[in-house]
């Protein structure tokens, strides 16, 4: 039996039709109370590496705008779910 993905509970809470960057995934998890500030950069780096290493489109599914940060690409919640929950 395989081990469940470490951040599976976070990915499961993503909305299918919303575009998420790794930073926005952390913010969403923090807003839901399931991620603490101590693991912020770890979550961001983990999901950035995951997207790069698992064939996510380079151009993303859309753009993410977070106040005070540059606009960046992101991918739909359903893509994160399909790939992360099935390959981790």
Protein backbone atom coordinates (compact mmCIF):
# COMPACT_ATOMS: atom_id res chain seq x y z
CA UNK A 1 0.00 0.00 0.00
CA UNK A 2 1.40 3.39 -0.96
CA UNK A 3 1.78 6.27 1.42
CA UNK A 4 -0.72 9.14 1.03
CA UNK A 5 0.67 12.41 -0.37
CA UNK A 6 2.13 14.63 2.35
CA UNK A 7 0.10 17.69 1.36
CA UNK A 8 -2.92 15.75 0.08
CA UNK A 9 -5.33 17.34 2.58
CA UNK A 10 -4.36 20.78 1.24
CA UNK A 11 -4.76 19.80 -2.42
CA UNK A 12 -8.12 18.14 -1.74
CA UNK A 13 -9.45 21.52 -0.53
CA UNK A 14 -8.60 23.35 -3.77
CA UNK A 15 -11.52 24.42 -5.95
CA UNK A 16 -11.44 22.73 -9.37
CA UNK A 17 -11.97 25.83 -11.53
CA UNK A 18 -9.70 28.27 -9.67
CA UNK A 19 -6.12 28.92 -10.82
CA UNK A 20 -3.52 28.37 -8.07
CA UNK A 21 0.18 29.12 -7.92
CA UNK A 22 2.27 27.43 -5.21
CA UNK A 23 2.05 30.66 -3.16
CA UNK A 24 -1.71 30.78 -3.52
CA UNK A 25 -1.99 27.13 -2.45
CA UNK A 26 -0.24 28.06 0.78
CA UNK A 27 -2.48 31.10 1.31
CA UNK A 28 -5.58 29.01 0.70
CA UNK A 29 -4.39 26.38 3.19
CA UNK A 30 -3.52 29.05 5.77
CA UNK A 31 -6.95 30.67 5.36
CA UNK A 32 -8.54 27.27 6.01
CA UNK A 33 -6.36 26.80 9.09
CA UNK A 34 -4.56 23.72 7.77
CA UNK A 35 -1.10 25.26 7.20
CA UNK A 36 1.07 27.23 9.58
CA UNK A 37 3.48 30.07 8.74
CA UNK A 38 6.42 27.83 9.69
CA UNK A 39 5.89 25.63 6.63
CA UNK A 40 5.06 28.39 4.13
CA UNK A 41 8.27 28.23 2.09
CA UNK A 42 8.37 24.43 2.24
CA UNK A 43 4.87 24.21 0.74
CA UNK A 44 5.69 26.79 -1.93
CA UNK A 45 8.92 25.04 -2.95
CA UNK A 46 7.33 21.59 -2.89
CA UNK A 47 4.51 22.61 -5.24
CA UNK A 48 6.80 24.62 -7.54
CA UNK A 49 9.09 21.59 -7.93
CA UNK A 50 6.11 19.32 -8.39
CA UNK A 51 4.66 21.43 -11.22
CA UNK A 52 8.05 21.61 -12.95
CA UNK A 53 8.81 17.90 -12.62
CA UNK A 54 5.38 16.54 -13.52
CA UNK A 55 4.67 18.01 -16.92
CA UNK A 56 2.50 20.98 -16.00
CA UNK A 57 2.22 23.35 -19.00
CA UNK A 58 4.97 25.97 -18.91
CA UNK A 59 2.43 28.69 -19.72
CA UNK A 60 0.10 27.56 -16.93
CA UNK A 61 -3.68 27.56 -17.01
CA UNK A 62 -3.92 31.25 -16.12
CA UNK A 63 -2.38 34.09 -14.15
CA UNK A 64 -2.39 34.60 -10.39
CA UNK A 65 -2.39 38.04 -8.85
CA UNK A 66 -1.42 38.34 -5.19
CA UNK A 67 -1.17 41.88 -3.78
CA UNK A 68 2.44 42.95 -3.32
CA UNK A 69 3.82 40.17 -5.53
CA UNK A 70 4.52 39.96 -9.25
CA UNK A 71 1.87 38.34 -11.43
CA UNK A 72 2.73 34.67 -11.94
CA UNK A 73 1.36 31.64 -13.73
CA UNK A 74 -0.78 29.07 -12.00
CA UNK A 75 -2.70 25.91 -12.71
CA UNK A 76 -6.30 24.88 -12.13
CA UNK A 77 -7.19 23.17 -8.89
CA UNK A 78 -8.37 20.11 -10.80
CA UNK A 79 -4.92 19.78 -12.43
CA UNK A 80 -3.24 19.92 -9.03
CA UNK A 81 -5.66 17.27 -7.77
CA UNK A 82 -5.30 14.97 -10.80
CA UNK A 83 -1.52 15.03 -10.73
CA UNK A 84 -0.59 15.46 -7.07
CA UNK A 85 -3.11 13.07 -5.56
CA UNK A 86 -2.36 10.37 -8.13
CA UNK A 87 1.43 10.57 -8.38
CA UNK A 88 2.79 11.51 -4.96
